[in-house]
PDB file of N, CA and C in Angstrom:
ATOM      1  N   UNK A   1      -4.881 -10.714  17.798  1.00  0.00           N
ATOM      2  CA  UNK A   1      -6.272 -10.300  17.858  1.00  0.00           C
ATOM      3  C   UNK A   1      -7.037 -10.874  16.670  1.00  0.00           C
ATOM      4  N   UNK A   2      -8.309 -11.094  16.880  1.00  0.00           N
ATOM      5  CA  UNK A   2      -9.167 -11.675  15.856  1.00  0.00           C
ATOM      6  C   UNK A   2      -9.623 -10.592  14.876  1.00  0.00           C
ATOM      7  N   UNK A   3      -9.220 -10.727  13.617  1.00  0.00           N
ATOM      8  CA  UNK A   3      -9.570  -9.742  12.590  1.00  0.00           C
ATOM      9  C   UNK A   3     -11.000  -9.911  12.094  1.00  0.00           C
ATOM     10  N   UNK A   4     -11.711 -10.924  12.576  1.00  0.00           N
ATOM     11  CA  UNK A   4     -13.095 -11.155  12.159  1.00  0.00           C
ATOM     12  C   UNK A   4     -14.104 -10.474  13.074  1.00  0.00           C
ATOM     13  N   UNK A   5     -13.635  -9.841  14.144  1.00  0.00           N
ATOM     14  CA  UNK A   5     -14.528  -9.169  15.094  1.00  0.00           C
ATOM     15  C   UNK A   5     -14.354  -7.653  14.995  1.00  0.00           C
ATOM     16  N   UNK A   6     -15.471  -6.976  14.814  1.00  0.00           N
ATOM     17  CA  UNK A   6     -15.468  -5.522  14.621  1.00  0.00           C
ATOM     18  C   UNK A   6     -14.911  -4.777  15.837  1.00  0.00           C
ATOM     19  N   UNK A   7     -15.143  -5.304  17.033  1.00  0.00           N
ATOM     20  CA  UNK A   7     -14.692  -4.646  18.268  1.00  0.00           C
ATOM     21  C   UNK A   7     -13.173  -4.536  18.361  1.00  0.00           C
ATOM     22  N   UNK A   8     -12.437  -5.406  17.660  1.00  0.00           N
ATOM     23  CA  UNK A   8     -10.974  -5.402  17.718  1.00  0.00           C
ATOM     24  C   UNK A   8     -10.340  -4.373  16.789  1.00  0.00           C
ATOM     25  N   UNK A   9     -11.149  -3.750  15.925  1.00  0.00           N
ATOM     26  CA  UNK A   9     -10.616  -2.820  14.925  1.00  0.00           C
ATOM     27  C   UNK A   9     -11.090  -1.415  15.260  1.00  0.00           C
ATOM     28  N   UNK A  10     -10.149  -0.502  15.386  1.00  0.00           N
ATOM     29  CA  UNK A  10     -10.458   0.884  15.752  1.00  0.00           C
ATOM     30  C   UNK A  10      -9.877   1.834  14.712  1.00  0.00           C
ATOM     31  N   UNK A  11     -10.453   3.022  14.626  1.00  0.00           N
ATOM     32  CA  UNK A  11      -9.918   4.068  13.752  1.00  0.00           C
ATOM     33  C   UNK A  11      -8.487   4.387  14.175  1.00  0.00           C
ATOM     34  N   UNK A  12      -7.579   4.512  13.198  1.00  0.00           N
ATOM     35  CA  UNK A  12      -6.192   4.833  13.492  1.00  0.00           C
ATOM     36  C   UNK A  12      -5.323   3.625  13.789  1.00  0.00           C
ATOM     37  N   UNK A  13      -5.910   2.445  13.809  1.00  0.00           N
ATOM     38  CA  UNK A  13      -5.165   1.203  14.090  1.00  0.00           C
ATOM     39  C   UNK A  13      -4.411   0.761  12.833  1.00  0.00           C
ATOM     40  N   UNK A  14      -3.234   0.201  13.033  1.00  0.00           N
ATOM     41  CA  UNK A  14      -2.416  -0.312  11.928  1.00  0.00           C
ATOM     42  C   UNK A  14      -2.840  -1.752  11.626  1.00  0.00           C
ATOM     43  N   UNK A  15      -3.173  -2.017  10.345  1.00  0.00           N
ATOM     44  CA  UNK A  15      -3.683  -3.328   9.944  1.00  0.00           C
ATOM     45  C   UNK A  15      -3.096  -3.753   8.601  1.00  0.00           C
ATOM     46  N   UNK A  16      -3.322  -5.015   8.254  1.00  0.00           N
ATOM     47  CA  UNK A  16      -3.017  -5.528   6.916  1.00  0.00           C
ATOM     48  C   UNK A  16      -4.330  -6.023   6.328  1.00  0.00           C
ATOM     49  N   UNK A  17      -4.635  -5.572   5.110  1.00  0.00           N
ATOM     50  CA  UNK A  17      -5.879  -5.970   4.454  1.00  0.00           C
ATOM     51  C   UNK A  17      -5.567  -6.706   3.159  1.00  0.00           C
ATOM     52  N   UNK A  18      -6.552  -7.459   2.691  1.00  0.00           N
ATOM     53  CA  UNK A  18      -6.457  -8.050   1.360  1.00  0.00           C
ATOM     54  C   UNK A  18      -7.464  -7.303   0.483  1.00  0.00           C
ATOM     55  N   UNK A  19      -6.971  -6.734  -0.611  1.00  0.00           N
ATOM     56  CA  UNK A  19      -7.818  -6.011  -1.552  1.00  0.00           C
ATOM     57  C   UNK A  19      -8.616  -7.009  -2.385  1.00  0.00           C
ATOM     58  N   UNK A  20      -9.744  -6.577  -2.946  1.00  0.00           N
ATOM     59  CA  UNK A  20     -10.599  -7.450  -3.752  1.00  0.00           C
ATOM     60  C   UNK A  20      -9.805  -8.122  -4.874  1.00  0.00           C
ATOM     61  N   UNK A  21      -8.973  -7.352  -5.571  1.00  0.00           N
ATOM     62  CA  UNK A  21      -8.220  -7.900  -6.701  1.00  0.00           C
ATOM     63  C   UNK A  21      -7.107  -8.846  -6.256  1.00  0.00           C
ATOM     64  N   UNK A  22      -6.778  -8.859  -4.960  1.00  0.00           N
ATOM     65  CA  UNK A  22      -5.718  -9.731  -4.442  1.00  0.00           C
ATOM     66  C   UNK A  22      -6.257 -10.914  -3.643  1.00  0.00           C
ATOM     67  N   UNK A  23      -7.564 -11.123  -3.667  1.00  0.00           N
ATOM     68  CA  UNK A  23      -8.140 -12.205  -2.869  1.00  0.00           C
ATOM     69  C   UNK A  23      -7.621 -13.572  -3.298  1.00  0.00           C
ATOM     70  N   UNK A  24      -7.374 -13.751  -4.598  1.00  0.00           N
ATOM     71  CA  UNK A  24      -6.896 -15.054  -5.068  1.00  0.00           C
ATOM     72  C   UNK A  24      -5.439 -15.301  -4.684  1.00  0.00           C
ATOM     73  N   UNK A  25      -4.627 -14.241  -4.613  1.00  0.00           N
ATOM     74  CA  UNK A  25      -3.210 -14.397  -4.265  1.00  0.00           C
ATOM     75  C   UNK A  25      -2.968 -14.263  -2.765  1.00  0.00           C
ATOM     76  N   UNK A  26      -3.863 -13.558  -2.061  1.00  0.00           N
ATOM     77  CA  UNK A  26      -3.699 -13.344  -0.630  1.00  0.00           C
ATOM     78  C   UNK A  26      -2.685 -12.265  -0.286  1.00  0.00           C
ATOM     79  N   UNK A  27      -2.260 -11.472  -1.298  1.00  0.00           N
ATOM     80  CA  UNK A  27      -1.286 -10.396  -1.070  1.00  0.00           C
ATOM     81  C   UNK A  27      -1.884  -9.364  -0.114  1.00  0.00           C
ATOM     82  N   UNK A  28      -1.139  -9.021   0.939  1.00  0.00           N
ATOM     83  CA  UNK A  28      -1.628  -8.094   1.959  1.00  0.00           C
ATOM     84  C   UNK A  28      -1.098  -6.685   1.735  1.00  0.00           C
ATOM     85  N   UNK A  29      -1.928  -5.704   2.049  1.00  0.00           N
ATOM     86  CA  UNK A  29      -1.580  -4.295   1.965  1.00  0.00           C
ATOM     87  C   UNK A  29      -1.647  -3.705   3.367  1.00  0.00           C
ATOM     88  N   UNK A  30      -0.566  -3.092   3.822  1.00  0.00           N
ATOM     89  CA  UNK A  30      -0.525  -2.471   5.149  1.00  0.00           C
ATOM     90  C   UNK A  30      -1.077  -1.056   5.092  1.00  0.00           C
ATOM     91  N   UNK A  31      -1.697  -0.632   6.181  1.00  0.00           N
ATOM     92  CA  UNK A  31      -2.200   0.729   6.253  1.00  0.00           C
ATOM     93  C   UNK A  31      -2.827   1.011   7.604  1.00  0.00           C
ATOM     94  N   UNK A  32      -3.396   2.201   7.701  1.00  0.00           N
ATOM     95  CA  UNK A  32      -4.036   2.660   8.933  1.00  0.00           C
ATOM     96  C   UNK A  32      -5.525   2.848   8.655  1.00  0.00           C
ATOM     97  N   UNK A  33      -6.361   2.346   9.548  1.00  0.00           N
ATOM     98  CA  UNK A  33      -7.814   2.366   9.372  1.00  0.00           C
ATOM     99  C   UNK A  33      -8.349   3.794   9.425  1.00  0.00           C
ATOM    100  N   UNK A  34      -9.084   4.173   8.361  1.00  0.00           N
ATOM    101  CA  UNK A  34      -9.793   5.454   8.349  1.00  0.00           C
ATOM    102  C   UNK A  34     -11.267   5.232   8.680  1.00  0.00           C
ATOM    103  N   UNK A  35     -11.906   4.256   8.004  1.00  0.00           N
ATOM    104  CA  UNK A  35     -13.330   3.969   8.211  1.00  0.00           C
ATOM    105  C   UNK A  35     -13.541   2.466   8.337  1.00  0.00           C
ATOM    106  N   UNK A  36     -14.472   2.082   9.191  1.00  0.00           N
ATOM    107  CA  UNK A  36     -14.894   0.684   9.293  1.00  0.00           C
ATOM    108  C   UNK A  36     -16.189   0.567   8.498  1.00  0.00           C
ATOM    109  N   UNK A  37     -16.189  -0.271   7.467  1.00  0.00           N
ATOM    110  CA  UNK A  37     -17.321  -0.350   6.551  1.00  0.00           C
ATOM    111  C   UNK A  37     -18.299  -1.471   6.885  1.00  0.00           C
ATOM    112  N   UNK A  38     -17.848  -2.533   7.536  1.00  0.00           N
ATOM    113  CA  UNK A  38     -18.732  -3.635   7.925  1.00  0.00           C
ATOM    114  C   UNK A  38     -19.590  -3.186   9.101  1.00  0.00           C
ATOM    115  N   UNK A  39     -20.897  -3.349   8.978  1.00  0.00           N
ATOM    116  CA  UNK A  39     -21.819  -2.928  10.038  1.00  0.00           C
ATOM    117  C   UNK A  39     -22.042  -4.017  11.086  1.00  0.00           C
ATOM    118  N   UNK A  40     -21.929  -5.290  10.694  1.00  0.00           N
ATOM    119  CA  UNK A  40     -22.171  -6.383  11.642  1.00  0.00           C
ATOM    120  C   UNK A  40     -21.004  -6.511  12.623  1.00  0.00           C
ATOM    121  N   UNK A  41     -21.235  -7.183  13.736  1.00  0.00           N
ATOM    122  CA  UNK A  41     -20.222  -7.327  14.783  1.00  0.00           C
ATOM    123  C   UNK A  41     -19.077  -8.238  14.374  1.00  0.00           C
ATOM    124  N   UNK A  42     -19.340  -9.152  13.425  1.00  0.00           N
ATOM    125  CA  UNK A  42     -18.278 -10.040  12.947  1.00  0.00           C
ATOM    126  C   UNK A  42     -18.558 -10.434  11.501  1.00  0.00           C
ATOM    127  N   UNK A  43     -17.521 -10.921  10.826  1.00  0.00           N
ATOM    128  CA  UNK A  43     -17.647 -11.386   9.444  1.00  0.00           C
ATOM    129  C   UNK A  43     -16.629 -12.500   9.239  1.00  0.00           C
ATOM    130  N   UNK A  44     -17.033 -13.625   8.653  1.00  0.00           N
ATOM    131  CA  UNK A  44     -16.126 -14.774   8.527  1.00  0.00           C
ATOM    132  C   UNK A  44     -14.886 -14.528   7.667  1.00  0.00           C
ATOM    133  N   UNK A  45     -14.942 -13.556   6.751  1.00  0.00           N
ATOM    134  CA  UNK A  45     -13.800 -13.278   5.866  1.00  0.00           C
ATOM    135  C   UNK A  45     -13.002 -12.059   6.301  1.00  0.00           C
ATOM    136  N   UNK A  46     -13.378 -11.447   7.416  1.00  0.00           N
ATOM    137  CA  UNK A  46     -12.685 -10.259   7.908  1.00  0.00           C
ATOM    138  C   UNK A  46     -13.551  -9.022   7.794  1.00  0.00           C
ATOM    139  N   UNK A  47     -13.296  -8.061   8.646  1.00  0.00           N
ATOM    140  CA  UNK A  47     -14.045  -6.804   8.664  1.00  0.00           C
ATOM    141  C   UNK A  47     -13.553  -5.914   7.525  1.00  0.00           C
ATOM    142  N   UNK A  48     -14.489  -5.358   6.761  1.00  0.00           N
ATOM    143  CA  UNK A  48     -14.119  -4.493   5.638  1.00  0.00           C
ATOM    144  C   UNK A  48     -13.839  -3.083   6.152  1.00  0.00           C
ATOM    145  N   UNK A  49     -12.695  -2.527   5.740  1.00  0.00           N
ATOM    146  CA  UNK A  49     -12.289  -1.187   6.166  1.00  0.00           C
ATOM    147  C   UNK A  49     -11.774  -0.378   4.980  1.00  0.00           C
ATOM    148  N   UNK A  50     -11.735   0.935   5.164  1.00  0.00           N
ATOM    149  CA  UNK A  50     -11.068   1.848   4.229  1.00  0.00           C
ATOM    150  C   UNK A  50      -9.836   2.372   4.942  1.00  0.00           C
ATOM    151  N   UNK A  51      -8.698   2.295   4.266  1.00  0.00           N
ATOM    152  CA  UNK A  51      -7.446   2.791   4.834  1.00  0.00           C
ATOM    153  C   UNK A  51      -7.310   4.288   4.581  1.00  0.00           C
ATOM    154  N   UNK A  52      -6.362   4.922   5.254  1.00  0.00           N
ATOM    155  CA  UNK A  52      -6.080   6.345   5.049  1.00  0.00           C
ATOM    156  C   UNK A  52      -5.731   6.628   3.585  1.00  0.00           C
ATOM    157  N   UNK A  53      -5.168   5.627   2.898  1.00  0.00           N
ATOM    158  CA  UNK A  53      -4.786   5.780   1.487  1.00  0.00           C
ATOM    159  C   UNK A  53      -5.995   5.695   0.555  1.00  0.00           C
ATOM    160  N   UNK A  54      -7.169   5.317   1.094  1.00  0.00           N
ATOM    161  CA  UNK A  54      -8.374   5.195   0.288  1.00  0.00           C
ATOM    162  C   UNK A  54      -8.655   3.780  -0.185  1.00  0.00           C
ATOM    163  N   UNK A  55      -7.707   2.869   0.030  1.00  0.00           N
ATOM    164  CA  UNK A  55      -7.899   1.483  -0.395  1.00  0.00           C
ATOM    165  C   UNK A  55      -8.899   0.788   0.530  1.00  0.00           C
ATOM    166  N   UNK A  56      -9.710  -0.112  -0.066  1.00  0.00           N
ATOM    167  CA  UNK A  56     -10.742  -0.826   0.679  1.00  0.00           C
ATOM    168  C   UNK A  56     -10.472  -2.321   0.594  1.00  0.00           C
ATOM    169  N   UNK A  57     -10.570  -2.989   1.732  1.00  0.00           N
ATOM    170  CA  UNK A  57     -10.384  -4.434   1.753  1.00  0.00           C
ATOM    171  C   UNK A  57     -10.758  -5.002   3.107  1.00  0.00           C
ATOM    172  N   UNK A  58     -10.576  -6.312   3.238  1.00  0.00           N
ATOM    173  CA  UNK A  58     -10.918  -7.003   4.482  1.00  0.00           C
ATOM    174  C   UNK A  58      -9.674  -7.215   5.340  1.00  0.00           C
ATOM    175  N   UNK A  59      -9.805  -6.922   6.625  1.00  0.00           N
ATOM    176  CA  UNK A  59      -8.679  -7.029   7.560  1.00  0.00           C
ATOM    177  C   UNK A  59      -8.303  -8.496   7.754  1.00  0.00           C
ATOM    178  N   UNK A  60      -7.004  -8.776   7.601  1.00  0.00           N
ATOM    179  CA  UNK A  60      -6.469 -10.119   7.830  1.00  0.00           C
ATOM    180  C   UNK A  60      -5.543 -10.147   9.038  1.00  0.00           C
ATOM    181  N   UNK A  61      -4.878  -9.024   9.331  1.00  0.00           N
ATOM    182  CA  UNK A  61      -3.973  -8.943  10.484  1.00  0.00           C
ATOM    183  C   UNK A  61      -4.134  -7.586  11.151  1.00  0.00           C
ATOM    184  N   UNK A  62      -4.009  -7.591  12.478  1.00  0.00           N
ATOM    185  CA  UNK A  62      -4.034  -6.353  13.260  1.00  0.00           C
ATOM    186  C   UNK A  62      -2.692  -6.244  13.957  1.00  0.00           C
ATOM    187  N   UNK A  63      -2.039  -5.085  13.827  1.00  0.00           N
ATOM    188  CA  UNK A  63      -0.712  -4.897  14.435  1.00  0.00           C
ATOM    189  C   UNK A  63      -0.812  -4.166  15.753  1.00  0.00           C
TER     190      UNK A  63
END
């Protein structure tokens, strides 16, 4: 699934995000979507979400 489209990401979905501090390394953090923060339908760098753990980042993979 395309992680750049908001329609593909739902609350409770399992995803991998890249945190702001990990953008240079590309290290991914796994979690479950609590909130979708990007308002537009798509974003070239990935949709920004908040995980259940409270971490915020852009979705790179959808499981």
